[in-house]
Amino acid sequence: MKALILVGGFGTRLRPLTLSRPKPLVEFGNKAILLHQIEALVEAGVKHVILAVSYRAELLEEELRHQEARLGIKISMSHETTPLGTAGPLGLAKQALLADMEPFFVLNSDVICDYPFKKMLNFHKTHSKEGTIVSAVVLTLVLTLVPDFGPDLGPDFGPDLGPDFGPDLGPDFGPDLGPDFGPDLGPDFGPDFGPDFGPDFGPDFGPDLGPDLGPDFGAFVTKVEEPSKYGVVVYDEQTGKIDKFVEKPKVFVSNKINAGMYIFNPDVLKRVEEKFMSLEKEVFPFMAKDGQLFSFDLSGFWMDIGQPKDFITGTALYLNYLRQTNPSILAQGEGIVGNVLVHPSAKLGHGCRIGPNVVVGPDVVIEDGVCLSKSTVLGGAKVRSHAWVQSCIVGWKSSVGQWVRMENVSVLGEDVIIEDELYVNGARILPHKAIASSVADPQIIM
C-alpha cells in the first residue's frame, strides 16, 4: 500500500524555524513532524511513501535515506519544479500511485493527530467509493487565569458575584454544579470535547487543573467553533456520505472540517492533472456531487501545526495524548509540572519549574532556577539561570540569557543569542542574531 505526503512549500508560516531546515524536519515532540506521520503509516501497512517535494528536497532525501532502512519501507521523492497545489501532486505521482491499483493515503504534512489510518482504511472499504476525507470538530478551549480561585472562589471573586453564587455552584465548582450545568451547555459539551476532556481536567473540573495548568487557573471554558479557517464538510451522519464540501466558507455551514487526511481509490486520478490544482476547490466538490466522497469522523485530538501559535497548542494536545497512551515517556520529579517531555541527553538545573506542556530537546541545557511553560526548546539550545519562558519556541543552538523574560509566542531561529536581563514579547527572530535590547512589542527581527 502507498501514501503520498504533500510536503511541497516554503514553510513561510513557521519561519524563522524553516529558514534553517524544511518544515517536515522541524522536531515536534522531539521527533521530526514527518516521522510522526510516516511511522503511523507504516503501522497501518504502508510499504511505499511518496513525498511531493519542492523546497530543499536534498535535505529531506538525506535525512530519510536512513529512515527508509530503519523502517523497512521505500521512500521516494516526487519533485515539483513549479507549484502544483494540493491536487497537482497526485497527477505528478500518478504512475507510482497506479502501480498496484490499491487505495492510497494522501495527507498534508502539517497535520498532527493520533492518525487512525487502519480505521480509515476499514471504513473506506465499507463504501468502496472514490474517496474518504477525515473530518474533525474545530474547538478552542480558553482557560482564564483567576487569582485566588479555590474552594471559596477567592476574596475578589465571591463578593462581586454575591452570596447566591456560592451555594448554587457549590464549594468545589464541580459536583454541586448540578444538572443545570450539563443540559444548559447541551450534549455537545460532552461528546464534542471527547472522552479526553473529562479525565484530563478531572472528574470535578478541579483537582487536575492544579498539576497540569497551575493552581491559580479557574474553570472558565469557552467553546469556540472556527470552521471558516478550513474547508468544511456537510454529510449524512449515519452513512458518512458527503453532501457538500465548502472551502473556507464566509458564513457558518458546518463545524466539521477537512482534517487534511484522505484515502482514495485509483479512479480519483482521472479527476486530476499535472498542473496547479486544488483538491478542496476543483476535486472534492465534484466528487461530493457525484456521490463519490465520504467522511470519516476523527475522535481524537487534531491540529494543523503549520504556524507557531498552533505548534504550541498542538504540543499541549500531543503531550496530553502521551499522558493517556504512554505516560512513562513523560518526565517526572522535582520541579516538573504537568505534561513535560525531556530528551535523555538534556540537562536540567536545580530549582527549576518546568511545565506544563513543555518539550526539551536533545543536548539542551536548562540552568538553575529557570521557569518554562507551554514552550519547546529545540536541540542544543541553552536557557540560562532564572530565565522565565512562556509560550515560546527556542530554536536550535540558541541561548536565552540570565533573568530574561520571554513570552507571547516568541520564536527564536537557529543560533540566536538573547543577552541577560531582557524582555522579549512576541518576537520572531531570524537565525544567527544577537539581541542586546528588550523587544517590548511583537515584531520580526531580521
Foldseek 3Di string as FASTA:
>chain_A
DEEEEEQEDQLVQAPPASVVPRQQQPDFLQGRLVVLVVVLVVVLPHAEYEYEYEPPVVVVCVVCVVVCVVSVHHYYYQYDPDDAAQFLVCQSCLVVVPPPQFKYKYFYSQKDWNDPPNVQVVLCVVVVFFKEFEWAFDWDKDWDFAAPCAQCGHPVRDPVVDPVVDQCCHRGNFPSVPPCVDPVVNPCVDQNVAPLVDPCCDRRSADNCPLAPNNRIDPDIDIDQDQLVAWAFDADPVSQQTQAIGGNDPDDDDRIGGQGMMIGGSVLSVQGHNHHDYCRPRNVRVCSVVRRYGYDYDRTDMFRLSHLLRSLVVLLRVQSVCCVVPVVQFDDDPQEGHGEHEDPQEAAEPQERADDSEYEYHCEYEYHQEYEYSEYEYALEYEYHNEYEYSEYHEHNEYHEAPEYEYAHEYEYHHEYEYPPEYEHQEREHPPYYDDHHDPDRDYHD
